[in-house]
Amino acid sequence: MKLFLASSLNKTISLLKERIPESAKRVVFVANAADPCDERWWVDLDREAFKKSGFEIIEVDLREVDKDKFQQKLNNADILHFCGGSVFYLLSLLKQQDLEGVVIDYVKNNKVIYTGTSAGSIIPSPALDLYKYDTEENKFYKNESESKGLGLVNFVILPHCDNQDMAENNKNVVEHAHKYSIPLLLLHDNQAVWVEDKKLELLSL
């Protein structure tokens, strides 16, 4: 199992390239976390970062694929990437389309390398109730059972901790972190977490 969980992948993609085989070039690129957002510029940054680094992008819209089609896409890919946006919206879409199990299977069994930016790096956590205190996320929060994450890691990431624009939302999350037993890992935009099986490594540029 290999995961590269970034605050901003476009700023840290060189760290990813150092840790994956040169043959890993095909990326299933999922931008749906940004569906509810008025702006999507961070999606473009991720896409261009992959392309400039020599990766082939396979665009997948989770709203338009069933389980079989999604698996077919992953069978032809080396990396599964989730962009940033809304954590709870992305989770609900994966549940609605019955794709959670597919993602977990392909990552845990080393069929693909998992990469994420922001929300994409948050959903591998076991539970995400803490994010209901994020004012941007609260409108998408339903209940505790619906906020269960993929459970690929045993911590939750708080991205963009050096970004002033995110300071207020991040403050709200941190203030309530003591209510939850899951470790909270704070990341700057030039940092990422590399998980390989049970080993965790904090990477910085």
N, C-alpha and C. Protein backbone atom coordinates (compact mmCIF):
# COMPACT_ATOMS: atom_id res chain seq x y z
N MET A 1 0.84 -1.19 0.00
CA MET A 1 0.00 0.00 0.00
C MET A 1 0.88 1.24 0.00
N LYS A 2 0.62 2.15 -0.93
CA LYS A 2 1.40 3.37 -1.04
C LYS A 2 0.45 4.56 -1.22
N LEU A 3 0.63 5.58 -0.38
CA LEU A 3 -0.18 6.80 -0.48
C LEU A 3 0.73 8.02 -0.38
N PHE A 4 0.44 9.00 -1.22
CA PHE A 4 1.13 10.29 -1.18
C PHE A 4 0.06 11.34 -0.90
N LEU A 5 0.03 11.83 0.33
CA LEU A 5 -1.02 12.73 0.79
C LEU A 5 -0.45 14.13 0.93
N ALA A 6 -0.82 14.98 -0.01
CA ALA A 6 -0.23 16.31 -0.10
C ALA A 6 -1.22 17.38 0.31
N SER A 7 -0.69 18.48 0.79
CA SER A 7 -1.49 19.67 0.99
C SER A 7 -1.78 20.29 -0.37
N SER A 8 -0.74 20.40 -1.20
CA SER A 8 -0.87 20.91 -2.57
C SER A 8 0.07 20.10 -3.46
N LEU A 9 -0.49 19.18 -4.23
CA LEU A 9 0.35 18.29 -5.03
C LEU A 9 1.21 19.05 -6.03
N ASN A 10 0.68 20.13 -6.59
CA ASN A 10 1.45 20.87 -7.60
C ASN A 10 2.76 21.41 -7.04
N LYS A 11 2.82 21.61 -5.72
CA LYS A 11 4.04 22.13 -5.10
C LYS A 11 4.97 21.03 -4.61
N THR A 12 4.50 19.79 -4.61
CA THR A 12 5.28 18.71 -4.00
C THR A 12 5.45 17.50 -4.93
N ILE A 13 5.07 17.64 -6.19
CA ILE A 13 5.09 16.48 -7.08
C ILE A 13 6.49 15.91 -7.25
N SER A 14 7.52 16.74 -7.09
CA SER A 14 8.89 16.23 -7.19
C SER A 14 9.17 15.20 -6.09
N LEU A 15 8.55 15.37 -4.92
CA LEU A 15 8.72 14.41 -3.83
C LEU A 15 8.04 13.08 -4.16
N LEU A 16 6.93 13.16 -4.87
CA LEU A 16 6.25 11.93 -5.32
C LEU A 16 7.11 11.17 -6.31
N LYS A 17 7.68 11.87 -7.26
CA LYS A 17 8.46 11.22 -8.32
C LYS A 17 9.68 10.49 -7.76
N GLU A 18 10.19 10.98 -6.63
CA GLU A 18 11.35 10.33 -6.00
C GLU A 18 11.00 8.96 -5.40
N ARG A 19 9.70 8.72 -5.19
CA ARG A 19 9.29 7.53 -4.43
C ARG A 19 8.49 6.51 -5.22
N ILE A 20 8.25 6.78 -6.48
CA ILE A 20 7.49 5.82 -7.29
C ILE A 20 8.34 5.36 -8.48
N PRO A 21 8.03 4.20 -9.04
CA PRO A 21 8.79 3.71 -10.20
C PRO A 21 8.66 4.66 -11.39
N GLU A 22 9.69 4.73 -12.20
CA GLU A 22 9.63 5.58 -13.39
C GLU A 22 8.55 5.12 -14.36
N SER A 23 8.20 3.85 -14.28
CA SER A 23 7.17 3.31 -15.18
C SER A 23 5.76 3.73 -14.78
N ALA A 24 5.59 4.28 -13.57
CA ALA A 24 4.26 4.69 -13.11
C ALA A 24 3.91 6.04 -13.73
N LYS A 25 3.16 6.03 -14.82
CA LYS A 25 2.92 7.24 -15.60
C LYS A 25 1.44 7.56 -15.81
N ARG A 26 0.55 6.58 -15.62
CA ARG A 26 -0.86 6.79 -15.95
C ARG A 26 -1.66 7.10 -14.68
N VAL A 27 -2.36 8.24 -14.71
CA VAL A 27 -3.05 8.74 -13.52
C VAL A 27 -4.55 8.83 -13.77
N VAL A 28 -5.32 8.08 -13.00
CA VAL A 28 -6.77 8.30 -12.97
C VAL A 28 -6.99 9.55 -12.13
N PHE A 29 -7.53 10.58 -12.77
CA PHE A 29 -7.58 11.93 -12.20
C PHE A 29 -9.04 12.27 -11.87
N VAL A 30 -9.32 12.39 -10.57
CA VAL A 30 -10.69 12.62 -10.10
C VAL A 30 -10.79 14.02 -9.51
N ALA A 31 -11.58 14.88 -10.14
CA ALA A 31 -11.69 16.28 -9.72
C ALA A 31 -13.02 16.58 -9.03
N ASN A 32 -13.80 15.57 -8.72
CA ASN A 32 -15.17 15.80 -8.25
C ASN A 32 -15.30 16.54 -6.93
N ALA A 33 -14.27 16.51 -6.09
CA ALA A 33 -14.37 17.25 -4.82
C ALA A 33 -14.63 18.73 -5.07
N ALA A 34 -14.26 19.22 -6.25
CA ALA A 34 -14.44 20.63 -6.59
C ALA A 34 -15.78 20.91 -7.26
N ASP A 35 -16.63 19.89 -7.43
CA ASP A 35 -17.93 20.10 -8.09
C ASP A 35 -18.74 21.23 -7.46
N PRO A 36 -18.82 21.33 -6.13
CA PRO A 36 -19.67 22.38 -5.53
C PRO A 36 -19.02 23.76 -5.50
N CYS A 37 -17.78 23.87 -5.93
CA CYS A 37 -17.01 25.10 -5.77
C CYS A 37 -17.19 26.05 -6.96
N ASP A 38 -17.24 27.33 -6.68
CA ASP A 38 -17.34 28.33 -7.74
C ASP A 38 -16.05 28.41 -8.54
N GLU A 39 -14.92 28.19 -7.87
CA GLU A 39 -13.62 28.19 -8.52
C GLU A 39 -13.02 26.80 -8.48
N ARG A 40 -12.18 26.48 -9.48
CA ARG A 40 -11.56 25.15 -9.54
C ARG A 40 -10.09 25.25 -9.95
N TRP A 41 -9.46 26.38 -9.69
CA TRP A 41 -8.11 26.61 -10.19
C TRP A 41 -7.10 25.60 -9.66
N TRP A 42 -7.35 25.08 -8.43
CA TRP A 42 -6.42 24.10 -7.86
C TRP A 42 -6.45 22.78 -8.63
N VAL A 43 -7.59 22.48 -9.24
CA VAL A 43 -7.69 21.29 -10.08
C VAL A 43 -6.77 21.44 -11.29
N ASP A 44 -6.80 22.62 -11.89
CA ASP A 44 -5.93 22.90 -13.04
C ASP A 44 -4.45 22.80 -12.65
N LEU A 45 -4.13 23.26 -11.45
CA LEU A 45 -2.74 23.19 -10.99
C LEU A 45 -2.27 21.74 -10.85
N ASP A 46 -3.12 20.89 -10.28
CA ASP A 46 -2.78 19.47 -10.16
C ASP A 46 -2.61 18.83 -11.53
N ARG A 47 -3.55 19.10 -12.43
CA ARG A 47 -3.51 18.51 -13.77
C ARG A 47 -2.23 18.91 -14.51
N GLU A 48 -1.92 20.20 -14.46
CA GLU A 48 -0.73 20.68 -15.16
C GLU A 48 0.54 20.15 -14.53
N ALA A 49 0.55 20.01 -13.20
CA ALA A 49 1.74 19.47 -12.52
C ALA A 49 2.01 18.05 -12.99
N PHE A 50 0.98 17.23 -13.09
CA PHE A 50 1.16 15.87 -13.58
C PHE A 50 1.66 15.88 -15.03
N LYS A 51 1.02 16.68 -15.86
CA LYS A 51 1.38 16.70 -17.28
C LYS A 51 2.82 17.18 -17.48
N LYS A 52 3.20 18.23 -16.79
CA LYS A 52 4.56 18.77 -16.93
C LYS A 52 5.61 17.79 -16.43
N SER A 53 5.20 16.89 -15.54
CA SER A 53 6.13 15.89 -14.99
C SER A 53 6.10 14.59 -15.79
N GLY A 54 5.40 14.60 -16.93
CA GLY A 54 5.44 13.46 -17.83
C GLY A 54 4.39 12.39 -17.59
N PHE A 55 3.36 12.71 -16.79
CA PHE A 55 2.32 11.73 -16.52
C PHE A 55 1.19 11.84 -17.55
N GLU A 56 0.51 10.73 -17.78
CA GLU A 56 -0.66 10.70 -18.66
C GLU A 56 -1.91 10.76 -17.80
N ILE A 57 -2.80 11.71 -18.12
CA ILE A 57 -4.01 11.93 -17.34
C ILE A 57 -5.19 11.16 -17.93
N ILE A 58 -5.88 10.41 -17.07
CA ILE A 58 -7.11 9.72 -17.45
C ILE A 58 -8.22 10.35 -16.62
N GLU A 59 -8.99 11.27 -17.21
CA GLU A 59 -10.02 11.98 -16.48
C GLU A 59 -11.20 11.06 -16.16
N VAL A 60 -11.64 11.06 -14.92
CA VAL A 60 -12.79 10.26 -14.51
C VAL A 60 -13.73 11.13 -13.68
N ASP A 61 -14.99 11.19 -14.11
CA ASP A 61 -16.03 11.88 -13.36
C ASP A 61 -16.84 10.82 -12.62
N LEU A 62 -16.78 10.84 -11.30
CA LEU A 62 -17.44 9.81 -10.52
C LEU A 62 -18.95 9.80 -10.71
N ARG A 63 -19.51 10.92 -11.15
CA ARG A 63 -20.95 10.99 -11.37
C ARG A 63 -21.38 10.22 -12.61
N GLU A 64 -20.39 9.87 -13.44
CA GLU A 64 -20.72 9.27 -14.74
C GLU A 64 -20.18 7.86 -14.91
N VAL A 65 -19.65 7.26 -13.84
CA VAL A 65 -19.11 5.90 -13.96
C VAL A 65 -19.79 4.97 -12.95
N ASP A 66 -19.97 3.72 -13.36
CA ASP A 66 -20.41 2.72 -12.40
C ASP A 66 -19.18 1.96 -11.92
N LYS A 67 -19.40 0.97 -11.07
CA LYS A 67 -18.28 0.26 -10.47
C LYS A 67 -17.41 -0.43 -11.52
N ASP A 68 -18.04 -1.07 -12.49
CA ASP A 68 -17.28 -1.79 -13.53
C ASP A 68 -16.41 -0.84 -14.35
N LYS A 69 -16.97 0.29 -14.75
CA LYS A 69 -16.21 1.24 -15.56
C LYS A 69 -15.06 1.85 -14.76
N PHE A 70 -15.32 2.10 -13.49
CA PHE A 70 -14.27 2.66 -12.63
C PHE A 70 -13.12 1.66 -12.49
N GLN A 71 -13.45 0.41 -12.29
CA GLN A 71 -12.41 -0.62 -12.18
C GLN A 71 -11.63 -0.75 -13.49
N GLN A 72 -12.32 -0.65 -14.61
CA GLN A 72 -11.63 -0.72 -15.91
C GLN A 72 -10.62 0.41 -16.04
N LYS A 73 -11.01 1.60 -15.60
CA LYS A 73 -10.09 2.74 -15.64
C LYS A 73 -8.87 2.49 -14.75
N LEU A 74 -9.12 1.98 -13.55
CA LEU A 74 -8.02 1.72 -12.61
C LEU A 74 -7.11 0.60 -13.10
N ASN A 75 -7.67 -0.36 -13.81
CA ASN A 75 -6.86 -1.47 -14.33
C ASN A 75 -5.83 -0.99 -15.35
N ASN A 76 -6.09 0.18 -15.92
CA ASN A 76 -5.17 0.74 -16.92
C ASN A 76 -4.35 1.91 -16.36
N ALA A 77 -4.30 1.99 -15.04
CA ALA A 77 -3.62 3.12 -14.41
C ALA A 77 -2.60 2.65 -13.38
N ASP A 78 -1.70 3.57 -13.03
CA ASP A 78 -0.70 3.31 -11.99
C ASP A 78 -1.00 4.09 -10.72
N ILE A 79 -1.70 5.22 -10.90
CA ILE A 79 -1.96 6.16 -9.80
C ILE A 79 -3.44 6.54 -9.82
N LEU A 80 -4.01 6.66 -8.62
CA LEU A 80 -5.36 7.20 -8.45
C LEU A 80 -5.24 8.50 -7.68
N HIS A 81 -5.64 9.61 -8.32
CA HIS A 81 -5.47 10.92 -7.69
C HIS A 81 -6.82 11.59 -7.45
N PHE A 82 -7.01 12.08 -6.22
CA PHE A 82 -8.18 12.87 -5.87
C PHE A 82 -7.76 14.31 -5.60
N CYS A 83 -8.38 15.24 -6.31
CA CYS A 83 -8.09 16.66 -6.12
C CYS A 83 -8.79 17.21 -4.89
N GLY A 84 -8.53 18.48 -4.60
CA GLY A 84 -9.12 19.13 -3.45
C GLY A 84 -10.51 19.67 -3.72
N GLY A 85 -11.15 20.11 -2.65
CA GLY A 85 -12.52 20.62 -2.71
C GLY A 85 -13.23 20.29 -1.42
N SER A 86 -14.43 19.76 -1.52
CA SER A 86 -15.20 19.41 -0.34
C SER A 86 -14.98 17.97 0.08
N VAL A 87 -14.58 17.78 1.31
CA VAL A 87 -14.36 16.45 1.89
C VAL A 87 -15.66 15.65 1.92
N PHE A 88 -16.69 16.23 2.51
CA PHE A 88 -17.94 15.50 2.71
C PHE A 88 -18.68 15.26 1.39
N TYR A 89 -18.59 16.20 0.48
CA TYR A 89 -19.22 15.98 -0.84
C TYR A 89 -18.55 14.81 -1.55
N LEU A 90 -17.22 14.79 -1.53
CA LEU A 90 -16.48 13.72 -2.19
C LEU A 90 -16.80 12.37 -1.56
N LEU A 91 -16.83 12.31 -0.25
CA LEU A 91 -17.17 11.06 0.44
C LEU A 91 -18.57 10.58 0.08
N SER A 92 -19.52 11.51 0.08
CA SER A 92 -20.91 11.12 -0.21
C SER A 92 -21.04 10.62 -1.65
N LEU A 93 -20.28 11.20 -2.56
CA LEU A 93 -20.33 10.76 -3.96
C LEU A 93 -19.75 9.35 -4.11
N LEU A 94 -18.65 9.08 -3.42
CA LEU A 94 -18.07 7.73 -3.45
C LEU A 94 -19.05 6.70 -2.89
N LYS A 95 -19.74 7.07 -1.81
CA LYS A 95 -20.72 6.15 -1.20
C LYS A 95 -21.92 5.96 -2.13
N GLN A 96 -22.39 7.05 -2.69
CA GLN A 96 -23.56 7.01 -3.58
C GLN A 96 -23.31 6.12 -4.79
N GLN A 97 -22.10 6.18 -5.32
CA GLN A 97 -21.74 5.41 -6.51
C GLN A 97 -21.21 4.02 -6.17
N ASP A 98 -21.15 3.71 -4.87
CA ASP A 98 -20.68 2.41 -4.39
C ASP A 98 -19.24 2.13 -4.86
N LEU A 99 -18.38 3.14 -4.71
CA LEU A 99 -17.00 3.04 -5.18
C LEU A 99 -15.98 3.00 -4.05
N GLU A 100 -16.43 3.19 -2.82
CA GLU A 100 -15.51 3.17 -1.69
C GLU A 100 -14.69 1.88 -1.65
N GLY A 101 -15.39 0.77 -1.73
CA GLY A 101 -14.73 -0.54 -1.65
C GLY A 101 -13.72 -0.76 -2.75
N VAL A 102 -14.01 -0.23 -3.93
CA VAL A 102 -13.09 -0.36 -5.06
C VAL A 102 -11.79 0.38 -4.76
N VAL A 103 -11.92 1.62 -4.27
CA VAL A 103 -10.73 2.42 -3.94
C VAL A 103 -9.90 1.70 -2.87
N ILE A 104 -10.56 1.25 -1.82
CA ILE A 104 -9.85 0.58 -0.72
C ILE A 104 -9.14 -0.67 -1.22
N ASP A 105 -9.81 -1.47 -2.02
CA ASP A 105 -9.22 -2.70 -2.55
C ASP A 105 -8.00 -2.42 -3.41
N TYR A 106 -8.12 -1.47 -4.33
CA TYR A 106 -7.02 -1.20 -5.27
C TYR A 106 -5.81 -0.59 -4.57
N VAL A 107 -6.05 0.20 -3.53
CA VAL A 107 -4.92 0.80 -2.80
C VAL A 107 -4.29 -0.21 -1.86
N LYS A 108 -5.11 -0.89 -1.06
CA LYS A 108 -4.57 -1.84 -0.08
C LYS A 108 -3.82 -2.99 -0.74
N ASN A 109 -4.23 -3.38 -1.92
CA ASN A 109 -3.62 -4.52 -2.61
C ASN A 109 -2.59 -4.09 -3.66
N ASN A 110 -2.12 -2.84 -3.55
CA ASN A 110 -1.03 -2.34 -4.39
C ASN A 110 -1.34 -2.41 -5.88
N LYS A 111 -2.62 -2.23 -6.22
CA LYS A 111 -2.98 -2.19 -7.64
C LYS A 111 -2.79 -0.79 -8.21
N VAL A 112 -2.90 0.22 -7.33
CA VAL A 112 -2.61 1.60 -7.71
C VAL A 112 -1.94 2.30 -6.53
N ILE A 113 -1.23 3.38 -6.83
CA ILE A 113 -0.70 4.28 -5.81
C ILE A 113 -1.73 5.38 -5.61
N TYR A 114 -2.05 5.69 -4.36
CA TYR A 114 -3.03 6.72 -4.06
C TYR A 114 -2.32 8.06 -3.87
N THR A 115 -2.80 9.09 -4.56
CA THR A 115 -2.30 10.45 -4.32
C THR A 115 -3.48 11.39 -4.10
N GLY A 116 -3.23 12.45 -3.34
CA GLY A 116 -4.31 13.39 -3.07
C GLY A 116 -3.79 14.79 -2.81
N THR A 117 -4.67 15.75 -3.08
CA THR A 117 -4.45 17.14 -2.69
C THR A 117 -5.57 17.54 -1.74
N SER A 118 -5.24 18.11 -0.59
CA SER A 118 -6.21 18.68 0.33
C SER A 118 -7.32 17.68 0.65
N ALA A 119 -8.56 17.90 0.20
CA ALA A 119 -9.66 16.97 0.49
C ALA A 119 -9.33 15.55 0.06
N GLY A 120 -8.62 15.43 -1.05
CA GLY A 120 -8.20 14.11 -1.52
C GLY A 120 -7.24 13.42 -0.58
N SER A 121 -6.53 14.21 0.21
CA SER A 121 -5.61 13.66 1.21
C SER A 121 -6.28 13.43 2.56
N ILE A 122 -7.46 13.98 2.73
CA ILE A 122 -8.18 13.86 3.99
C ILE A 122 -9.04 12.60 4.04
N ILE A 123 -9.66 12.24 2.93
CA ILE A 123 -10.63 11.14 2.94
C ILE A 123 -10.04 9.76 3.25
N PRO A 124 -8.73 9.49 3.11
CA PRO A 124 -8.21 8.18 3.53
C PRO A 124 -8.29 7.93 5.04
N SER A 125 -8.62 8.95 5.83
CA SER A 125 -8.72 8.82 7.29
C SER A 125 -9.90 7.93 7.68
N PRO A 126 -9.90 7.40 8.90
CA PRO A 126 -11.00 6.53 9.31
C PRO A 126 -12.30 7.26 9.60
N ALA A 127 -12.22 8.49 10.10
CA ALA A 127 -13.42 9.26 10.42
C ALA A 127 -13.11 10.75 10.29
N LEU A 128 -14.11 11.51 9.83
CA LEU A 128 -13.85 12.90 9.48
C LEU A 128 -14.82 13.87 10.14
N ASP A 129 -15.43 13.46 11.24
CA ASP A 129 -16.40 14.32 11.92
C ASP A 129 -15.78 15.66 12.33
N LEU A 130 -14.50 15.67 12.57
CA LEU A 130 -13.81 16.90 12.97
C LEU A 130 -14.04 18.02 11.95
N TYR A 131 -14.22 17.64 10.69
CA TYR A 131 -14.36 18.66 9.63
C TYR A 131 -15.73 19.32 9.60
N LYS A 132 -16.64 18.88 10.44
CA LYS A 132 -17.92 19.59 10.51
C LYS A 132 -17.74 20.98 11.11
N TYR A 133 -16.58 21.20 11.75
CA TYR A 133 -16.29 22.51 12.33
C TYR A 133 -15.63 23.46 11.31
N ASP A 134 -15.32 22.94 10.15
CA ASP A 134 -14.84 23.78 9.05
C ASP A 134 -16.07 24.44 8.42
N THR A 135 -16.11 25.75 8.40
CA THR A 135 -17.31 26.44 7.92
C THR A 135 -17.61 26.16 6.45
N GLU A 136 -16.57 25.84 5.67
CA GLU A 136 -16.78 25.51 4.26
C GLU A 136 -17.34 24.10 4.09
N GLU A 137 -17.10 23.25 5.07
CA GLU A 137 -17.53 21.85 4.98
C GLU A 137 -18.87 21.58 5.67
N ASN A 138 -19.21 22.41 6.64
CA ASN A 138 -20.37 22.15 7.48
C ASN A 138 -21.66 21.96 6.67
N LYS A 139 -21.80 22.69 5.58
CA LYS A 139 -23.04 22.59 4.79
C LYS A 139 -23.19 21.24 4.09
N PHE A 140 -22.08 20.49 3.98
CA PHE A 140 -22.14 19.18 3.34
C PHE A 140 -22.17 18.04 4.35
N TYR A 141 -22.04 18.38 5.64
CA TYR A 141 -22.02 17.36 6.68
C TYR A 141 -23.44 16.84 6.94
N LYS A 142 -23.61 15.52 7.00
CA LYS A 142 -24.92 14.91 7.25
C LYS A 142 -24.98 14.33 8.65
N ASN A 143 -24.18 13.33 8.92
CA ASN A 143 -24.15 12.71 10.24
C ASN A 143 -22.88 11.89 10.38
N GLU A 144 -22.70 11.35 11.57
CA GLU A 144 -21.45 10.63 11.87
C GLU A 144 -21.25 9.41 10.97
N SER A 145 -22.32 8.67 10.71
CA SER A 145 -22.18 7.46 9.88
C SER A 145 -21.79 7.80 8.45
N GLU A 146 -22.23 8.96 7.97
CA GLU A 146 -21.93 9.36 6.60
C GLU A 146 -20.53 9.96 6.47
N SER A 147 -19.90 10.30 7.61
CA SER A 147 -18.59 10.95 7.55
C SER A 147 -17.44 9.97 7.78
N LYS A 148 -17.76 8.70 7.75
CA LYS A 148 -16.71 7.68 7.86
C LYS A 148 -15.82 7.74 6.62
N GLY A 149 -14.48 7.79 6.85
CA GLY A 149 -13.54 7.86 5.74
C GLY A 149 -13.18 6.49 5.20
N LEU A 150 -12.16 6.44 4.36
CA LEU A 150 -11.76 5.20 3.71
C LEU A 150 -11.01 4.26 4.65
N GLY A 151 -10.46 4.80 5.72
CA GLY A 151 -9.77 3.96 6.71
C GLY A 151 -8.45 3.38 6.22
N LEU A 152 -7.82 4.06 5.28
CA LEU A 152 -6.53 3.59 4.77
C LEU A 152 -5.38 4.00 5.68
N VAL A 153 -5.59 5.06 6.47
CA VAL A 153 -4.58 5.52 7.42
C VAL A 153 -5.26 5.73 8.77
N ASN A 154 -4.48 5.90 9.82
CA ASN A 154 -5.04 6.04 11.17
C ASN A 154 -4.88 7.45 11.72
N PHE A 155 -4.82 8.43 10.83
CA PHE A 155 -4.72 9.83 11.23
C PHE A 155 -5.55 10.66 10.26
N VAL A 156 -5.72 11.93 10.59
CA VAL A 156 -6.42 12.84 9.68
C VAL A 156 -5.53 14.05 9.42
N ILE A 157 -5.52 14.48 8.16
CA ILE A 157 -4.65 15.58 7.75
C ILE A 157 -5.41 16.91 7.80
N LEU A 158 -4.72 17.95 8.25
CA LEU A 158 -5.21 19.32 8.15
C LEU A 158 -4.27 20.06 7.20
N PRO A 159 -4.68 20.28 5.95
CA PRO A 159 -3.79 20.89 4.96
C PRO A 159 -3.77 22.42 5.04
N HIS A 160 -2.85 23.00 4.30
CA HIS A 160 -2.76 24.46 4.10
C HIS A 160 -2.55 25.23 5.39
N CYS A 161 -1.77 24.68 6.31
CA CYS A 161 -1.59 25.33 7.61
C CYS A 161 -0.73 26.59 7.54
N ASP A 162 -0.07 26.81 6.40
CA ASP A 162 0.70 28.04 6.23
C ASP A 162 0.00 29.01 5.29
N ASN A 163 -1.25 28.72 4.94
CA ASN A 163 -2.00 29.53 3.99
C ASN A 163 -2.95 30.44 4.77
N GLN A 164 -2.72 31.73 4.70
CA GLN A 164 -3.51 32.69 5.47
C GLN A 164 -4.98 32.64 5.11
N ASP A 165 -5.28 32.36 3.85
CA ASP A 165 -6.67 32.30 3.41
C ASP A 165 -7.45 31.18 4.09
N MET A 166 -6.74 30.17 4.58
CA MET A 166 -7.40 29.03 5.23
C MET A 166 -7.31 29.10 6.76
N ALA A 167 -6.75 30.17 7.26
CA ALA A 167 -6.44 30.25 8.69
C ALA A 167 -7.68 30.13 9.57
N GLU A 168 -8.77 30.79 9.22
CA GLU A 168 -9.96 30.78 10.06
C GLU A 168 -10.59 29.39 10.10
N ASN A 169 -10.74 28.75 8.94
CA ASN A 169 -11.30 27.40 8.91
C ASN A 169 -10.41 26.42 9.66
N ASN A 170 -9.11 26.52 9.46
CA ASN A 170 -8.19 25.62 10.14
C ASN A 170 -8.24 25.82 11.66
N LYS A 171 -8.38 27.07 12.08
CA LYS A 171 -8.48 27.38 13.52
C LYS A 171 -9.70 26.69 14.12
N ASN A 172 -10.82 26.72 13.41
CA ASN A 172 -12.04 26.09 13.90
C ASN A 172 -11.85 24.59 14.08
N VAL A 173 -11.14 23.96 13.15
CA VAL A 173 -10.89 22.52 13.22
C VAL A 173 -9.98 22.20 14.41
N VAL A 174 -8.88 22.93 14.52
CA VAL A 174 -7.89 22.66 15.57
C VAL A 174 -8.51 22.84 16.96
N GLU A 175 -9.36 23.82 17.12
CA GLU A 175 -9.97 24.09 18.43
C GLU A 175 -10.82 22.93 18.94
N HIS A 176 -11.31 22.09 18.02
CA HIS A 176 -12.16 20.97 18.42
C HIS A 176 -11.44 19.62 18.34
N ALA A 177 -10.16 19.65 18.00
CA ALA A 177 -9.41 18.39 17.80
C ALA A 177 -9.34 17.56 19.08
N HIS A 178 -9.38 18.21 20.24
CA HIS A 178 -9.25 17.49 21.51
C HIS A 178 -10.45 16.56 21.77
N LYS A 179 -11.53 16.73 21.03
CA LYS A 179 -12.73 15.91 21.22
C LYS A 179 -12.62 14.54 20.54
N TYR A 180 -11.57 14.38 19.73
CA TYR A 180 -11.45 13.17 18.92
C TYR A 180 -10.13 12.47 19.19
N SER A 181 -10.15 11.15 19.14
CA SER A 181 -8.95 10.37 19.46
C SER A 181 -8.02 10.19 18.27
N ILE A 182 -8.47 10.50 17.07
CA ILE A 182 -7.64 10.32 15.88
C ILE A 182 -6.58 11.42 15.82
N PRO A 183 -5.31 11.07 15.64
CA PRO A 183 -4.25 12.08 15.54
C PRO A 183 -4.49 13.04 14.37
N LEU A 184 -4.24 14.30 14.61
CA LEU A 184 -4.38 15.34 13.59
C LEU A 184 -2.99 15.76 13.13
N LEU A 185 -2.72 15.61 11.83
CA LEU A 185 -1.40 15.92 11.28
C LEU A 185 -1.51 17.19 10.43
N LEU A 186 -0.81 18.23 10.86
CA LEU A 186 -0.87 19.52 10.18
C LEU A 186 0.18 19.60 9.07
N LEU A 187 -0.25 20.03 7.88
CA LEU A 187 0.65 20.10 6.73
C LEU A 187 0.71 21.51 6.15
N HIS A 188 1.91 21.96 5.82
CA HIS A 188 2.09 23.16 5.02
C HIS A 188 1.95 22.79 3.54
N ASP A 189 1.86 23.80 2.69
CA ASP A 189 1.67 23.53 1.26
C ASP A 189 2.91 22.93 0.59
N ASN A 190 4.05 23.01 1.24
CA ASN A 190 5.27 22.41 0.67
C ASN A 190 5.58 21.05 1.31
N GLN A 191 4.55 20.46 1.95
CA GLN A 191 4.74 19.18 2.64
C GLN A 191 3.77 18.13 2.13
N ALA A 192 4.14 16.87 2.37
CA ALA A 192 3.28 15.74 2.05
C ALA A 192 3.62 14.59 2.99
N VAL A 193 2.68 13.67 3.11
CA VAL A 193 2.91 12.45 3.89
C VAL A 193 3.01 11.28 2.93
N TRP A 194 4.08 10.50 3.06
CA TRP A 194 4.25 9.29 2.27
C TRP A 194 3.98 8.10 3.18
N VAL A 195 3.00 7.30 2.82
CA VAL A 195 2.66 6.10 3.58
C VAL A 195 2.98 4.89 2.72
N GLU A 196 3.82 4.03 3.23
CA GLU A 196 4.14 2.78 2.52
C GLU A 196 3.93 1.63 3.49
N ASP A 197 2.87 0.87 3.24
CA ASP A 197 2.42 -0.16 4.16
C ASP A 197 2.18 0.48 5.53
N LYS A 198 2.94 0.13 6.56
CA LYS A 198 2.70 0.70 7.89
C LYS A 198 3.69 1.79 8.26
N LYS A 199 4.51 2.18 7.30
CA LYS A 199 5.51 3.21 7.55
C LYS A 199 5.00 4.57 7.09
N LEU A 200 5.17 5.58 7.93
CA LEU A 200 4.76 6.96 7.61
C LEU A 200 6.00 7.85 7.58
N GLU A 201 6.08 8.69 6.56
CA GLU A 201 7.19 9.62 6.43
C GLU A 201 6.66 11.00 6.07
N LEU A 202 7.07 12.00 6.84
CA LEU A 202 6.70 13.37 6.57
C LEU A 202 7.74 13.99 5.64
N LEU A 203 7.30 14.47 4.48
CA LEU A 203 8.21 15.00 3.46
C LEU A 203 8.05 16.52 3.37
N SER A 204 9.17 17.20 3.15
CA SER A 204 9.14 18.65 2.99
C SER A 204 10.13 19.07 1.91
N LEU A 205 9.82 20.13 1.23
CA LEU A 205 10.75 20.72 0.27
C LEU A 205 11.56 21.81 0.94
